[in-house]
């Protein structure tokens, strides 16, 4: 994959942090990128305190569609198949790996 022009996001991605019990989280989601949106399907979510923005994003449904044109969330794709997700552009960003 060309790092200057990463392809569309597609597949199962995971973010984990096990540094200490108060900051620990595990997030697994299926992601599909289309020309106009990102479709996120929450598969697994474990957290005590640190991933509150993710739990808020998926509070009404395990499937969320984020429109690229409307913004409100920051997603940065990297050339190695990972992406950084910054829900609501607040709190901490999450690095999700394929």
C-alpha atoms as a PDB file:
ATOM      1  CA  UNK A   1       0.000   0.000   0.000  1.00  0.00           C
ATOM      2  CA  UNK A   2       1.345   3.440  -0.909  1.00  0.00           C
ATOM      3  CA  UNK A   3       1.873   5.389   2.331  1.00  0.00           C
ATOM      4  CA  UNK A   4       1.165   8.732   0.625  1.00  0.00           C
ATOM      5  CA  UNK A   5      -2.222   7.511  -0.619  1.00  0.00           C
ATOM      6  CA  UNK A   6      -3.590   4.770   1.645  1.00  0.00           C
ATOM      7  CA  UNK A   7      -6.482   2.735   0.275  1.00  0.00           C
ATOM      8  CA  UNK A   8      -9.950   2.624   1.813  1.00  0.00           C
ATOM      9  CA  UNK A   9     -10.346   1.249   5.328  1.00  0.00           C
ATOM     10  CA  UNK A  10     -11.868  -2.208   5.330  1.00  0.00           C
ATOM     11  CA  UNK A  11     -11.765  -5.005   7.868  1.00  0.00           C
ATOM     12  CA  UNK A  12     -11.625  -5.671  11.590  1.00  0.00           C
ATOM     13  CA  UNK A  13      -9.554  -3.226  13.642  1.00  0.00           C
ATOM     14  CA  UNK A  14      -8.468  -3.328  17.275  1.00  0.00           C
ATOM     15  CA  UNK A  15      -7.251  -0.760  19.820  1.00  0.00           C
ATOM     16  CA  UNK A  16      -5.854  -1.829  23.179  1.00  0.00           C
ATOM     17  CA  UNK A  17      -4.214  -0.277  26.192  1.00  0.00           C
ATOM     18  CA  UNK A  18      -3.196  -2.348  29.201  1.00  0.00           C
ATOM     19  CA  UNK A  19      -0.847   0.107  30.941  1.00  0.00           C
ATOM     20  CA  UNK A  20      -2.809   0.106  34.195  1.00  0.00           C
ATOM     21  CA  UNK A  21      -6.259  -0.937  35.340  1.00  0.00           C
ATOM     22  CA  UNK A  22      -7.700   2.599  35.327  1.00  0.00           C
ATOM     23  CA  UNK A  23      -6.587   3.374  31.756  1.00  0.00           C
ATOM     24  CA  UNK A  24      -7.111  -0.088  30.263  1.00  0.00           C
ATOM     25  CA  UNK A  25      -9.417  -0.604  27.289  1.00  0.00           C
ATOM     26  CA  UNK A  26     -10.002  -3.006  24.399  1.00  0.00           C
ATOM     27  CA  UNK A  27     -12.006  -1.947  21.367  1.00  0.00           C
ATOM     28  CA  UNK A  28     -12.699  -4.143  18.350  1.00  0.00           C
ATOM     29  CA  UNK A  29     -14.716  -2.836  15.416  1.00  0.00           C
ATOM     30  CA  UNK A  30     -15.415  -3.687  11.807  1.00  0.00           C
ATOM     31  CA  UNK A  31     -14.768  -0.706   9.541  1.00  0.00           C
ATOM     32  CA  UNK A  32     -15.835  -0.042   5.970  1.00  0.00           C
ATOM     33  CA  UNK A  33     -14.960   3.173   4.174  1.00  0.00           C
ATOM     34  CA  UNK A  34     -17.046   4.378   1.249  1.00  0.00           C
ATOM     35  CA  UNK A  35     -16.615   7.505  -0.829  1.00  0.00           C
ATOM     36  CA  UNK A  36     -18.867   9.503   1.494  1.00  0.00           C
ATOM     37  CA  UNK A  37     -18.673   7.823   4.898  1.00  0.00           C
ATOM     38  CA  UNK A  38     -17.075   5.492   7.406  1.00  0.00           C
ATOM     39  CA  UNK A  39     -19.278   2.648   8.655  1.00  0.00           C
ATOM     40  CA  UNK A  40     -18.245   1.408  12.105  1.00  0.00           C
ATOM     41  CA  UNK A  41     -19.670  -1.756  13.661  1.00  0.00           C
ATOM     42  CA  UNK A  42     -18.682  -2.286  17.301  1.00  0.00           C
ATOM     43  CA  UNK A  43     -17.745  -5.932  17.914  1.00  0.00           C
ATOM     44  CA  UNK A  44     -16.149  -5.769  21.358  1.00  0.00           C
ATOM     45  CA  UNK A  45     -15.766  -3.031  23.947  1.00  0.00           C
ATOM     46  CA  UNK A  46     -14.156  -3.323  27.380  1.00  0.00           C
ATOM     47  CA  UNK A  47     -13.222  -0.256  29.414  1.00  0.00           C
ATOM     48  CA  UNK A  48     -13.599   1.116  32.901  1.00  0.00           C
ATOM     49  CA  UNK A  49     -12.953   4.824  32.512  1.00  0.00           C
ATOM     50  CA  UNK A  50     -10.658   5.807  29.653  1.00  0.00           C
ATOM     51  CA  UNK A  51     -12.727   5.122  26.521  1.00  0.00           C
ATOM     52  CA  UNK A  52     -15.838   7.099  27.416  1.00  0.00           C
ATOM     53  CA  UNK A  53     -16.031   8.844  24.019  1.00  0.00           C
ATOM     54  CA  UNK A  54     -16.256   5.473  22.262  1.00  0.00           C
ATOM     55  CA  UNK A  55     -19.021   4.301  24.604  1.00  0.00           C
ATOM     56  CA  UNK A  56     -20.892   7.572  23.982  1.00  0.00           C
ATOM     57  CA  UNK A  57     -20.529   7.208  20.195  1.00  0.00           C
ATOM     58  CA  UNK A  58     -22.026   3.701  20.277  1.00  0.00           C
ATOM     59  CA  UNK A  59     -24.582   4.359  23.029  1.00  0.00           C
ATOM     60  CA  UNK A  60     -27.648   4.110  20.752  1.00  0.00           C
ATOM     61  CA  UNK A  61     -26.483   1.448  18.308  1.00  0.00           C
ATOM     62  CA  UNK A  62     -23.562  -0.899  17.686  1.00  0.00           C
ATOM     63  CA  UNK A  63     -23.436   0.451  14.112  1.00  0.00           C
ATOM     64  CA  UNK A  64     -22.509   4.054  13.412  1.00  0.00           C
ATOM     65  CA  UNK A  65     -22.191   5.833  10.068  1.00  0.00           C
ATOM     66  CA  UNK A  66     -19.881   8.850  10.092  1.00  0.00           C
ATOM     67  CA  UNK A  67     -20.353  11.158   7.118  1.00  0.00           C
ATOM     68  CA  UNK A  68     -17.074  12.542   5.801  1.00  0.00           C
ATOM     69  CA  UNK A  69     -18.656  15.868   4.795  1.00  0.00           C
ATOM     70  CA  UNK A  70     -20.212  16.593   8.200  1.00  0.00           C
ATOM     71  CA  UNK A  71     -17.074  16.166  10.300  1.00  0.00           C
ATOM     72  CA  UNK A  72     -17.211  16.139  14.066  1.00  0.00           C
ATOM     73  CA  UNK A  73     -14.805  13.214  14.293  1.00  0.00           C
ATOM     74  CA  UNK A  74     -11.210  13.015  13.159  1.00  0.00           C
ATOM     75  CA  UNK A  75      -9.944   9.959  11.291  1.00  0.00           C
ATOM     76  CA  UNK A  76      -6.410   9.862   9.947  1.00  0.00           C
ATOM     77  CA  UNK A  77      -5.386   6.895   7.798  1.00  0.00           C
ATOM     78  CA  UNK A  78      -1.767   5.763   7.819  1.00  0.00           C
ATOM     79  CA  UNK A  79       0.031   3.827   5.101  1.00  0.00           C
ATOM     80  CA  UNK A  80       0.627   0.749   7.260  1.00  0.00           C
ATOM     81  CA  UNK A  81      -3.041  -0.276   7.498  1.00  0.00           C
ATOM     82  CA  UNK A  82      -3.714   1.541  10.773  1.00  0.00           C
ATOM     83  CA  UNK A  83      -5.750   4.639  11.485  1.00  0.00           C
ATOM     84  CA  UNK A  84      -6.140   7.126  14.299  1.00  0.00           C
ATOM     85  CA  UNK A  85      -9.682   7.808  15.469  1.00  0.00           C
ATOM     86  CA  UNK A  86     -10.443  10.880  17.567  1.00  0.00           C
ATOM     87  CA  UNK A  87     -14.172  10.659  18.387  1.00  0.00           C
ATOM     88  CA  UNK A  88     -15.885  14.031  18.819  1.00  0.00           C
ATOM     89  CA  UNK A  89     -12.391  15.579  18.531  1.00  0.00           C
ATOM     90  CA  UNK A  90     -12.175  15.372  22.319  1.00  0.00           C
ATOM     91  CA  UNK A  91     -10.523  13.161  24.889  1.00  0.00           C
ATOM     92  CA  UNK A  92      -7.859  10.755  23.741  1.00  0.00           C
ATOM     93  CA  UNK A  93      -7.270   9.478  20.183  1.00  0.00           C
ATOM     94  CA  UNK A  94      -7.316   5.730  19.556  1.00  0.00           C
ATOM     95  CA  UNK A  95      -4.892   3.941  17.238  1.00  0.00           C
ATOM     96  CA  UNK A  96      -6.699   1.054  15.555  1.00  0.00           C
ATOM     97  CA  UNK A  97      -4.706  -1.729  13.920  1.00  0.00           C
ATOM     98  CA  UNK A  98      -5.852  -4.269  11.368  1.00  0.00           C
END
